[in-house]
Every structure is written in structure tokens, then in C-alpha cells.
Amino acid sequence: AQAVIARRAGLAASVTAAMSALAAREAVIELARNEDAEILPSA
């Protein structure tokens, strides 16, 4: 389910920050592939 969220279009920085800190490996990989997500340097 985390991986599904990671594929959402236009993910906000607060969501990507939470994912980078808490999500499982599979979800983080999906997040890294999501070019539309707002990922801050800290994430």
C-alpha cells in the first residue's frame, strides 16, 4: 500500500519526507521513480 501511495502524482513534500523516513524499501523505490513527487534534499 505504501508503494501505491508512492506512485501518486504530485506528492507533497510532507508525504515524501514521511516515506523516506518510514516506508519500506519497495515504496521508497517507487518514490524515487516518481518524477512528479516533491522530494526535498533532506528526504
PDB file of all heavy atoms in Angstrom:
ATOM      1  N   ALA A   1       0.832  -1.203   0.000  1.00  0.00           N
ATOM      2  CA  ALA A   1       0.000   0.000   0.000  1.00  0.00           C
ATOM      3  C   ALA A   1       0.870   1.259   0.000  1.00  0.00           C
ATOM      4  O   ALA A   1       0.541   2.249  -0.654  1.00  0.00           O
ATOM      5  CB  ALA A   1      -0.936  -0.009   1.202  1.00  0.00           C
ATOM      6  N   GLN A   2       1.984   1.227   0.723  1.00  0.00           N
ATOM      7  CA  GLN A   2       2.917   2.356   0.708  1.00  0.00           C
ATOM      8  C   GLN A   2       3.436   2.603  -0.709  1.00  0.00           C
ATOM      9  O   GLN A   2       3.561   3.747  -1.139  1.00  0.00           O
ATOM     10  CB  GLN A   2       4.103   2.093   1.629  1.00  0.00           C
ATOM     11  CG  GLN A   2       3.787   2.119   3.092  1.00  0.00           C
ATOM     12  CD  GLN A   2       4.978   1.697   3.939  1.00  0.00           C
ATOM     13  OE1 GLN A   2       5.943   1.096   3.461  1.00  0.00           O
ATOM     14  NE2 GLN A   2       4.914   2.013   5.223  1.00  0.00           N
ATOM     15  N   ALA A   3       3.709   1.531  -1.440  1.00  0.00           N
ATOM     16  CA  ALA A   3       4.202   1.661  -2.814  1.00  0.00           C
ATOM     17  C   ALA A   3       3.153   2.293  -3.717  1.00  0.00           C
ATOM     18  O   ALA A   3       3.493   3.072  -4.618  1.00  0.00           O
ATOM     19  CB  ALA A   3       4.636   0.300  -3.354  1.00  0.00           C
ATOM     20  N   VAL A   4       1.898   1.989  -3.485  1.00  0.00           N
ATOM     21  CA  VAL A   4       0.823   2.619  -4.260  1.00  0.00           C
ATOM     22  C   VAL A   4       0.800   4.118  -3.989  1.00  0.00           C
ATOM     23  O   VAL A   4       0.716   4.928  -4.915  1.00  0.00           O
ATOM     24  CB  VAL A   4      -0.541   1.969  -3.953  1.00  0.00           C
ATOM     25  CG1 VAL A   4      -1.675   2.752  -4.596  1.00  0.00           C
ATOM     26  CG2 VAL A   4      -0.563   0.523  -4.403  1.00  0.00           C
ATOM     27  N   ILE A   5       0.900   4.500  -2.738  1.00  0.00           N
ATOM     28  CA  ILE A   5       0.939   5.922  -2.390  1.00  0.00           C
ATOM     29  C   ILE A   5       2.141   6.595  -3.047  1.00  0.00           C
ATOM     30  O   ILE A   5       2.043   7.707  -3.552  1.00  0.00           O
ATOM     31  CB  ILE A   5       0.969   6.111  -0.855  1.00  0.00           C
ATOM     32  CG1 ILE A   5      -0.355   5.670  -0.245  1.00  0.00           C
ATOM     33  CG2 ILE A   5       1.271   7.568  -0.497  1.00  0.00           C
ATOM     34  CD1 ILE A   5      -0.362   5.619   1.265  1.00  0.00           C
ATOM     35  N   ALA A   6       3.268   5.924  -3.067  1.00  0.00           N
ATOM     36  CA  ALA A   6       4.496   6.496  -3.644  1.00  0.00           C
ATOM     37  C   ALA A   6       4.350   6.801  -5.127  1.00  0.00           C
ATOM     38  O   ALA A   6       5.066   7.648  -5.656  1.00  0.00           O
ATOM     39  CB  ALA A   6       5.666   5.543  -3.419  1.00  0.00           C
ATOM     40  N   ARG A   7       3.420   6.143  -5.806  1.00  0.00           N
ATOM     41  CA  ARG A   7       3.206   6.383  -7.237  1.00  0.00           C
ATOM     42  C   ARG A   7       2.230   7.518  -7.517  1.00  0.00           C
ATOM     43  O   ARG A   7       2.013   7.871  -8.670  1.00  0.00           O
ATOM     44  CB  ARG A   7       2.714   5.094  -7.906  1.00  0.00           C
ATOM     45  CG  ARG A   7       3.784   4.029  -7.997  1.00  0.00           C
ATOM     46  CD  ARG A   7       3.369   2.872  -8.888  1.00  0.00           C
ATOM     47  NE  ARG A   7       2.237   2.113  -8.375  1.00  0.00           N
ATOM     48  CZ  ARG A   7       2.337   1.024  -7.610  1.00  0.00           C
ATOM     49  NH1 ARG A   7       3.515   0.561  -7.270  1.00  0.00           N
ATOM     50  NH2 ARG A   7       1.256   0.393  -7.194  1.00  0.00           N
ATOM     51  N   ARG A   8       1.633   8.093  -6.483  1.00  0.00           N
ATOM     52  CA  ARG A   8       0.662   9.176  -6.684  1.00  0.00           C
ATOM     53  C   ARG A   8       1.310  10.361  -7.398  1.00  0.00           C
ATOM     54  O   ARG A   8       2.451  10.716  -7.119  1.00  0.00           O
ATOM     55  CB  ARG A   8       0.107   9.673  -5.355  1.00  0.00           C
ATOM     56  CG  ARG A   8      -0.940   8.786  -4.744  1.00  0.00           C
ATOM     57  CD  ARG A   8      -1.426   9.368  -3.440  1.00  0.00           C
ATOM     58  NE  ARG A   8      -2.184  10.590  -3.614  1.00  0.00           N
ATOM     59  CZ  ARG A   8      -3.508  10.681  -3.536  1.00  0.00           C
ATOM     60  NH1 ARG A   8      -4.225   9.616  -3.279  1.00  0.00           N
ATOM     61  NH2 ARG A   8      -4.106  11.835  -3.693  1.00  0.00           N
ATOM     62  N   ALA A   9       0.550  10.997  -8.252  1.00  0.00           N
ATOM     63  CA  ALA A   9       1.010  12.215  -8.919  1.00  0.00           C
ATOM     64  C   ALA A   9       0.983  13.373  -7.927  1.00  0.00           C
ATOM     65  O   ALA A   9       0.081  13.466  -7.093  1.00  0.00           O
ATOM     66  CB  ALA A   9       0.117  12.526 -10.109  1.00  0.00           C
ATOM     67  N   GLY A  10       1.988  14.216  -8.001  1.00  0.00           N
ATOM     68  CA  GLY A  10       2.016  15.437  -7.203  1.00  0.00           C
ATOM     69  C   GLY A  10       2.134  15.238  -5.709  1.00  0.00           C
ATOM     70  O   GLY A  10       1.575  16.028  -4.943  1.00  0.00           O
ATOM     71  N   LEU A  11       2.863  14.226  -5.274  1.00  0.00           N
ATOM     72  CA  LEU A  11       3.034  14.015  -3.830  1.00  0.00           C
ATOM     73  C   LEU A  11       3.687  15.223  -3.189  1.00  0.00           C
ATOM     74  O   LEU A  11       4.704  15.727  -3.669  1.00  0.00           O
ATOM     75  CB  LEU A  11       3.895  12.780  -3.567  1.00  0.00           C
ATOM     76  CG  LEU A  11       3.210  11.435  -3.540  1.00  0.00           C
ATOM     77  CD1 LEU A  11       4.230  10.332  -3.287  1.00  0.00           C
ATOM     78  CD2 LEU A  11       2.124  11.388  -2.495  1.00  0.00           C
ATOM     79  N   ALA A  12       3.125  15.665  -2.090  1.00  0.00           N
ATOM     80  CA  ALA A  12       3.654  16.819  -1.354  1.00  0.00           C
ATOM     81  C   ALA A  12       4.928  16.454  -0.608  1.00  0.00           C
ATOM     82  O   ALA A  12       5.174  15.279  -0.286  1.00  0.00           O
ATOM     83  CB  ALA A  12       2.605  17.324  -0.369  1.00  0.00           C
ATOM     84  N   ALA A  13       5.723  17.457  -0.309  1.00  0.00           N
ATOM     85  CA  ALA A  13       6.997  17.254   0.393  1.00  0.00           C
ATOM     86  C   ALA A  13       6.800  16.576   1.749  1.00  0.00           C
ATOM     87  O   ALA A  13       7.632  15.772   2.165  1.00  0.00           O
ATOM     88  CB  ALA A  13       7.727  18.577   0.555  1.00  0.00           C
ATOM     89  N   SER A  14       5.716  16.881   2.438  1.00  0.00           N
ATOM     90  CA  SER A  14       5.483  16.249   3.749  1.00  0.00           C
ATOM     91  C   SER A  14       5.290  14.744   3.613  1.00  0.00           C
ATOM     92  O   SER A  14       5.757  13.968   4.453  1.00  0.00           O
ATOM     93  CB  SER A  14       4.269  16.878   4.434  1.00  0.00           C
ATOM     94  OG  SER A  14       3.106  16.714   3.647  1.00  0.00           O
ATOM     95  N   VAL A  15       4.642  14.325   2.543  1.00  0.00           N
ATOM     96  CA  VAL A  15       4.409  12.896   2.318  1.00  0.00           C
ATOM     97  C   VAL A  15       5.717  12.213   1.921  1.00  0.00           C
ATOM     98  O   VAL A  15       6.047  11.144   2.427  1.00  0.00           O
ATOM     99  CB  VAL A  15       3.327  12.663   1.240  1.00  0.00           C
ATOM    100  CG1 VAL A  15       3.090  11.180   1.017  1.00  0.00           C
ATOM    101  CG2 VAL A  15       2.035  13.369   1.614  1.00  0.00           C
ATOM    102  N   THR A  16       6.486  12.843   1.039  1.00  0.00           N
ATOM    103  CA  THR A  16       7.743  12.223   0.614  1.00  0.00           C
ATOM    104  C   THR A  16       8.743  12.169   1.764  1.00  0.00           C
ATOM    105  O   THR A  16       9.519  11.224   1.848  1.00  0.00           O
ATOM    106  CB  THR A  16       8.349  12.940  -0.611  1.00  0.00           C
ATOM    107  OG1 THR A  16       8.669  14.286  -0.272  1.00  0.00           O
ATOM    108  CG2 THR A  16       7.401  12.900  -1.795  1.00  0.00           C
ATOM    109  N   ALA A  17       8.690  13.153   2.648  1.00  0.00           N
ATOM    110  CA  ALA A  17       9.567  13.125   3.828  1.00  0.00           C
ATOM    111  C   ALA A  17       9.205  11.943   4.727  1.00  0.00           C
ATOM    112  O   ALA A  17      10.086  11.222   5.214  1.00  0.00           O
ATOM    113  CB  ALA A  17       9.473  14.437   4.590  1.00  0.00           C
ATOM    114  N   ALA A  18       7.914  11.746   4.943  1.00  0.00           N
ATOM    115  CA  ALA A  18       7.471  10.615   5.767  1.00  0.00           C
ATOM    116  C   ALA A  18       7.850   9.296   5.112  1.00  0.00           C
ATOM    117  O   ALA A  18       8.313   8.366   5.787  1.00  0.00           O
ATOM    118  CB  ALA A  18       5.961  10.689   5.987  1.00  0.00           C
ATOM    119  N   MET A  19       7.674   9.222   3.808  1.00  0.00           N
ATOM    120  CA  MET A  19       8.014   7.982   3.110  1.00  0.00           C
ATOM    121  C   MET A  19       9.509   7.703   3.180  1.00  0.00           C
ATOM    122  O   MET A  19       9.919   6.571   3.396  1.00  0.00           O
ATOM    123  CB  MET A  19       7.565   8.054   1.655  1.00  0.00           C
ATOM    124  CG  MET A  19       6.077   8.119   1.514  1.00  0.00           C
ATOM    125  SD  MET A  19       5.530   7.679  -0.110  1.00  0.00           S
ATOM    126  CE  MET A  19       5.480   5.918   0.083  1.00  0.00           C
ATOM    127  N   SER A  20      10.320   8.719   3.003  1.00  0.00           N
ATOM    128  CA  SER A  20      11.768   8.496   3.029  1.00  0.00           C
ATOM    129  C   SER A  20      12.233   8.020   4.397  1.00  0.00           C
ATOM    130  O   SER A  20      13.211   7.298   4.499  1.00  0.00           O
ATOM    131  CB  SER A  20      12.513   9.767   2.616  1.00  0.00           C
ATOM    132  OG  SER A  20      12.356  10.783   3.581  1.00  0.00           O
ATOM    133  N   ALA A  21      11.510   8.402   5.442  1.00  0.00           N
ATOM    134  CA  ALA A  21      11.894   8.019   6.798  1.00  0.00           C
ATOM    135  C   ALA A  21      11.261   6.711   7.267  1.00  0.00           C
ATOM    136  O   ALA A  21      11.871   5.990   8.057  1.00  0.00           O
ATOM    137  CB  ALA A  21      11.520   9.133   7.772  1.00  0.00           C
ATOM    138  N   LEU A  22      10.056   6.395   6.775  1.00  0.00           N
ATOM    139  CA  LEU A  22       9.303   5.286   7.355  1.00  0.00           C
ATOM    140  C   LEU A  22       8.978   4.146   6.406  1.00  0.00           C
ATOM    141  O   LEU A  22       8.770   3.017   6.855  1.00  0.00           O
ATOM    142  CB  LEU A  22       7.970   5.813   7.911  1.00  0.00           C
ATOM    143  CG  LEU A  22       8.032   6.900   8.965  1.00  0.00           C
ATOM    144  CD1 LEU A  22       6.644   7.446   9.238  1.00  0.00           C
ATOM    145  CD2 LEU A  22       8.660   6.361  10.233  1.00  0.00           C
ATOM    146  N   ALA A  23       8.891   4.416   5.133  1.00  0.00           N
ATOM    147  CA  ALA A  23       8.358   3.428   4.193  1.00  0.00           C
ATOM    148  C   ALA A  23       9.331   2.284   3.954  1.00  0.00           C
ATOM    149  O   ALA A  23      10.549   2.414   4.121  1.00  0.00           O
ATOM    150  CB  ALA A  23       8.003   4.098   2.871  1.00  0.00           C
ATOM    151  N   ALA A  24       8.765   1.182   3.530  1.00  0.00           N
ATOM    152  CA  ALA A  24       9.551   0.000   3.185  1.00  0.00           C
ATOM    153  C   ALA A  24      10.342   0.243   1.899  1.00  0.00           C
ATOM    154  O   ALA A  24      10.053   1.170   1.136  1.00  0.00           O
ATOM    155  CB  ALA A  24       8.614  -1.193   2.998  1.00  0.00           C
ATOM    156  N   ARG A  25      11.320  -0.601   1.676  1.00  0.00           N
ATOM    157  CA  ARG A  25      12.215  -0.491   0.520  1.00  0.00           C
ATOM    158  C   ARG A  25      11.444  -0.365  -0.790  1.00  0.00           C
ATOM    159  O   ARG A  25      11.746   0.487  -1.619  1.00  0.00           O
ATOM    160  CB  ARG A  25      13.138  -1.710   0.475  1.00  0.00           C
ATOM    161  CG  ARG A  25      13.996  -1.785  -0.762  1.00  0.00           C
ATOM    162  CD  ARG A  25      14.672  -3.165  -0.879  1.00  0.00           C
ATOM    163  NE  ARG A  25      15.389  -3.273  -2.117  1.00  0.00           N
ATOM    164  CZ  ARG A  25      14.838  -3.712  -3.262  1.00  0.00           C
ATOM    165  NH1 ARG A  25      13.571  -4.053  -3.307  1.00  0.00           N
ATOM    166  NH2 ARG A  25      15.565  -3.782  -4.355  1.00  0.00           N
ATOM    167  N   GLU A  26      10.446  -1.211  -0.994  1.00  0.00           N
ATOM    168  CA  GLU A  26       9.680  -1.206  -2.239  1.00  0.00           C
ATOM    169  C   GLU A  26       9.010   0.142  -2.473  1.00  0.00           C
ATOM    170  O   GLU A  26       8.976   0.645  -3.596  1.00  0.00           O
ATOM    171  CB  GLU A  26       8.610  -2.307  -2.221  1.00  0.00           C
ATOM    172  CG  GLU A  26       9.157  -3.709  -2.099  1.00  0.00           C
ATOM    173  CD  GLU A  26       9.484  -4.108  -0.658  1.00  0.00           C
ATOM    174  OE1 GLU A  26       9.111  -3.387   0.300  1.00  0.00           O
ATOM    175  OE2 GLU A  26      10.137  -5.141  -0.481  1.00  0.00           O
ATOM    176  N   ALA A  27       8.476   0.722  -1.414  1.00  0.00           N
ATOM    177  CA  ALA A  27       7.811   2.017  -1.524  1.00  0.00           C
ATOM    178  C   ALA A  27       8.811   3.133  -1.800  1.00  0.00           C
ATOM    179  O   ALA A  27       8.535   4.042  -2.584  1.00  0.00           O
ATOM    180  CB  ALA A  27       7.026   2.315  -0.249  1.00  0.00           C
ATOM    181  N   VAL A  28       9.975   3.060  -1.193  1.00  0.00           N
ATOM    182  CA  VAL A  28      10.998   4.079  -1.427  1.00  0.00           C
ATOM    183  C   VAL A  28      11.499   3.995  -2.868  1.00  0.00           C
ATOM    184  O   VAL A  28      11.751   5.033  -3.503  1.00  0.00           O
ATOM    185  CB  VAL A  28      12.149   3.955  -0.404  1.00  0.00           C
ATOM    186  CG1 VAL A  28      13.296   4.895  -0.737  1.00  0.00           C
ATOM    187  CG2 VAL A  28      11.627   4.243   1.000  1.00  0.00           C
ATOM    188  N   ILE A  29      11.610   2.810  -3.403  1.00  0.00           N
ATOM    189  CA  ILE A  29      11.999   2.662  -4.813  1.00  0.00           C
ATOM    190  C   ILE A  29      10.943   3.302  -5.715  1.00  0.00           C
ATOM    191  O   ILE A  29      11.273   4.029  -6.654  1.00  0.00           O
ATOM    192  CB  ILE A  29      12.240   1.183  -5.159  1.00  0.00           C
ATOM    193  CG1 ILE A  29      13.563   0.741  -4.548  1.00  0.00           C
ATOM    194  CG2 ILE A  29      12.238   0.962  -6.672  1.00  0.00           C
ATOM    195  CD1 ILE A  29      13.873  -0.728  -4.714  1.00  0.00           C
ATOM    196  N   GLU A  30       9.677   3.055  -5.432  1.00  0.00           N
ATOM    197  CA  GLU A  30       8.606   3.674  -6.224  1.00  0.00           C
ATOM    198  C   GLU A  30       8.638   5.194  -6.089  1.00  0.00           C
ATOM    199  O   GLU A  30       8.432   5.916  -7.063  1.00  0.00           O
ATOM    200  CB  GLU A  30       7.237   3.139  -5.818  1.00  0.00           C
ATOM    201  CG  GLU A  30       6.996   1.709  -6.204  1.00  0.00           C
ATOM    202  CD  GLU A  30       7.052   1.480  -7.705  1.00  0.00           C
ATOM    203  OE1 GLU A  30       6.665   2.370  -8.483  1.00  0.00           O
ATOM    204  OE2 GLU A  30       7.491   0.383  -8.102  1.00  0.00           O
ATOM    205  N   LEU A  31       8.900   5.678  -4.895  1.00  0.00           N
ATOM    206  CA  LEU A  31       9.011   7.121  -4.685  1.00  0.00           C
ATOM    207  C   LEU A  31      10.156   7.701  -5.501  1.00  0.00           C
ATOM    208  O   LEU A  31      10.015   8.743  -6.142  1.00  0.00           O
ATOM    209  CB  LEU A  31       9.206   7.421  -3.198  1.00  0.00           C
ATOM    210  CG  LEU A  31       9.403   8.890  -2.829  1.00  0.00           C
ATOM    211  CD1 LEU A  31       8.187   9.716  -3.225  1.00  0.00           C
ATOM    212  CD2 LEU A  31       9.688   9.011  -1.337  1.00  0.00           C
ATOM    213  N   ALA A  32      11.292   7.034  -5.502  1.00  0.00           N
ATOM    214  CA  ALA A  32      12.448   7.514  -6.263  1.00  0.00           C
ATOM    215  C   ALA A  32      12.153   7.538  -7.762  1.00  0.00           C
ATOM    216  O   ALA A  32      12.689   8.381  -8.489  1.00  0.00           O
ATOM    217  CB  ALA A  32      13.665   6.639  -5.977  1.00  0.00           C
ATOM    218  N   ARG A  33      11.296   6.661  -8.233  1.00  0.00           N
ATOM    219  CA  ARG A  33      10.907   6.630  -9.653  1.00  0.00           C
ATOM    220  C   ARG A  33       9.881   7.704 -10.003  1.00  0.00           C
ATOM    221  O   ARG A  33       9.699   8.024 -11.167  1.00  0.00           O
ATOM    222  CB  ARG A  33      10.320   5.269  -9.999  1.00  0.00           C
ATOM    223  CG  ARG A  33      11.320   4.175 -10.082  1.00  0.00           C
ATOM    224  CD  ARG A  33      10.647   2.883 -10.484  1.00  0.00           C
ATOM    225  NE  ARG A  33      11.640   1.833 -10.621  1.00  0.00           N
ATOM    226  CZ  ARG A  33      11.456   0.581 -10.262  1.00  0.00           C
ATOM    227  NH1 ARG A  33      10.291   0.194  -9.774  1.00  0.00           N
ATOM    228  NH2 ARG A  33      12.414  -0.308 -10.418  1.00  0.00           N
ATOM    229  N   ASN A  34       9.189   8.229  -9.012  1.00  0.00           N
ATOM    230  CA  ASN A  34       8.105   9.186  -9.232  1.00  0.00           C
ATOM    231  C   ASN A  34       8.670  10.574  -9.515  1.00  0.00           C
ATOM    232  O   ASN A  34       9.036  11.315  -8.608  1.00  0.00           O
ATOM    233  CB  ASN A  34       7.179   9.215  -8.020  1.00  0.00           C
ATOM    234  CG  ASN A  34       5.956  10.078  -8.231  1.00  0.00           C
ATOM    235  OD1 ASN A  34       5.886  10.876  -9.163  1.00  0.00           O
ATOM    236  ND2 ASN A  34       4.992   9.931  -7.347  1.00  0.00           N
ATOM    237  N   GLU A  35       8.743  10.925 -10.773  1.00  0.00           N
ATOM    238  CA  GLU A  35       9.296  12.219 -11.195  1.00  0.00           C
ATOM    239  C   GLU A  35       8.395  13.386 -10.815  1.00  0.00           C
ATOM    240  O   GLU A  35       8.827  14.533 -10.828  1.00  0.00           O
ATOM    241  CB  GLU A  35       9.535  12.224 -12.710  1.00  0.00           C
ATOM    242  CG  GLU A  35      10.571  11.222 -13.181  1.00  0.00           C
ATOM    243  CD  GLU A  35      11.986  11.592 -12.779  1.00  0.00           C
ATOM    244  OE1 GLU A  35      12.254  12.802 -12.614  1.00  0.00           O
ATOM    245  OE2 GLU A  35      12.804  10.687 -12.613  1.00  0.00           O
ATOM    246  N   ASP A  36       7.144  13.109 -10.482  1.00  0.00           N
ATOM    247  CA  ASP A  36       6.184  14.165 -10.162  1.00  0.00           C
ATOM    248  C   ASP A  36       6.113  14.466  -8.665  1.00  0.00           C
ATOM    249  O   ASP A  36       5.421  15.378  -8.252  1.00  0.00           O
ATOM    250  CB  ASP A  36       4.804  13.751 -10.695  1.00  0.00           C
ATOM    251  CG  ASP A  36       3.834  14.907 -10.752  1.00  0.00           C
ATOM    252  OD1 ASP A  36       4.237  16.012 -11.164  1.00  0.00           O
ATOM    253  OD2 ASP A  36       2.663  14.699 -10.374  1.00  0.00           O
ATOM    254  N   ALA A  37       6.826  13.703  -7.865  1.00  0.00           N
ATOM    255  CA  ALA A  37       6.806  13.902  -6.411  1.00  0.00           C
ATOM    256  C   ALA A  37       7.738  15.034  -6.017  1.00  0.00           C
ATOM    257  O   ALA A  37       8.808  15.210  -6.598  1.00  0.00           O
ATOM    258  CB  ALA A  37       7.228  12.616  -5.706  1.00  0.00           C
ATOM    259  N   GLU A  38       7.330  15.799  -5.024  1.00  0.00           N
ATOM    260  CA  GLU A  38       8.165  16.883  -4.494  1.00  0.00           C
ATOM    261  C   GLU A  38       9.077  16.299  -3.408  1.00  0.00           C
ATOM    262  O   GLU A  38       8.654  16.091  -2.272  1.00  0.00           O
ATOM    263  CB  GLU A  38       7.289  17.992  -3.911  1.00  0.00           C
ATOM    264  CG  GLU A  38       8.073  19.164  -3.394  1.00  0.00           C
ATOM    265  CD  GLU A  38       7.187  20.223  -2.755  1.00  0.00           C
ATOM    266  OE1 GLU A  38       5.961  20.082  -2.754  1.00  0.00           O
ATOM    267  OE2 GLU A  38       7.759  21.194  -2.225  1.00  0.00           O
ATOM    268  N   ILE A  39      10.318  16.030  -3.784  1.00  0.00           N
ATOM    269  CA  ILE A  39      11.265  15.426  -2.848  1.00  0.00           C
ATOM    270  C   ILE A  39      12.327  16.458  -2.502  1.00  0.00           C
ATOM    271  O   ILE A  39      13.084  16.896  -3.365  1.00  0.00           O
ATOM    272  CB  ILE A  39      11.918  14.162  -3.455  1.00  0.00           C
ATOM    273  CG1 ILE A  39      10.842  13.166  -3.900  1.00  0.00           C
ATOM    274  CG2 ILE A  39      12.857  13.519  -2.435  1.00  0.00           C
ATOM    275  CD1 ILE A  39      11.386  11.945  -4.609  1.00  0.00           C
ATOM    276  N   LEU A  40      12.351  16.843  -1.247  1.00  0.00           N
ATOM    277  CA  LEU A  40      13.331  17.826  -0.774  1.00  0.00           C
ATOM    278  C   LEU A  40      14.689  17.162  -0.575  1.00  0.00           C
ATOM    279  O   LEU A  40      14.772  15.939  -0.398  1.00  0.00           O
ATOM    280  CB  LEU A  40      12.849  18.439   0.543  1.00  0.00           C
ATOM    281  CG  LEU A  40      11.529  19.216   0.475  1.00  0.00           C
ATOM    282  CD1 LEU A  40      11.140  19.697   1.864  1.00  0.00           C
ATOM    283  CD2 LEU A  40      11.623  20.376  -0.495  1.00  0.00           C
ATOM    284  N   PRO A  41      15.763  17.949  -0.568  1.00  0.00           N
ATOM    285  CA  PRO A  41      17.093  17.371  -0.342  1.00  0.00           C
ATOM    286  C   PRO A  41      17.184  16.533   0.932  1.00  0.00           C
ATOM    287  O   PRO A  41      17.830  15.484   0.947  1.00  0.00           O
ATOM    288  CB  PRO A  41      18.000  18.599  -0.279  1.00  0.00           C
ATOM    289  CG  PRO A  41      17.318  19.612  -1.142  1.00  0.00           C
ATOM    290  CD  PRO A  41      15.842  19.380  -0.897  1.00  0.00           C
ATOM    291  N   SER A  42      16.511  16.956   1.990  1.00  0.00           N
ATOM    292  CA  SER A  42      16.559  16.191   3.242  1.00  0.00           C
ATOM    293  C   SER A  42      15.920  14.806   3.080  1.00  0.00           C
ATOM    294  O   SER A  42      16.377  13.836   3.683  1.00  0.00           O
ATOM    295  CB  SER A  42      15.859  16.961   4.365  1.00  0.00           C
ATOM    296  OG  SER A  42      14.514  17.248   4.007  1.00  0.00           O
ATOM    297  N   ALA A  43      14.885  14.700   2.255  1.00  0.00           N
ATOM    298  CA  ALA A  43      14.249  13.403   2.013  1.00  0.00           C
ATOM    299  C   ALA A  43      15.166  12.509   1.174  1.00  0.00           C
ATOM    300  O   ALA A  43      15.273  11.309   1.432  1.00  0.00           O
ATOM    301  CB  ALA A  43      12.901  13.592   1.329  1.00  0.00           C
TER     302      ALA A  43
END
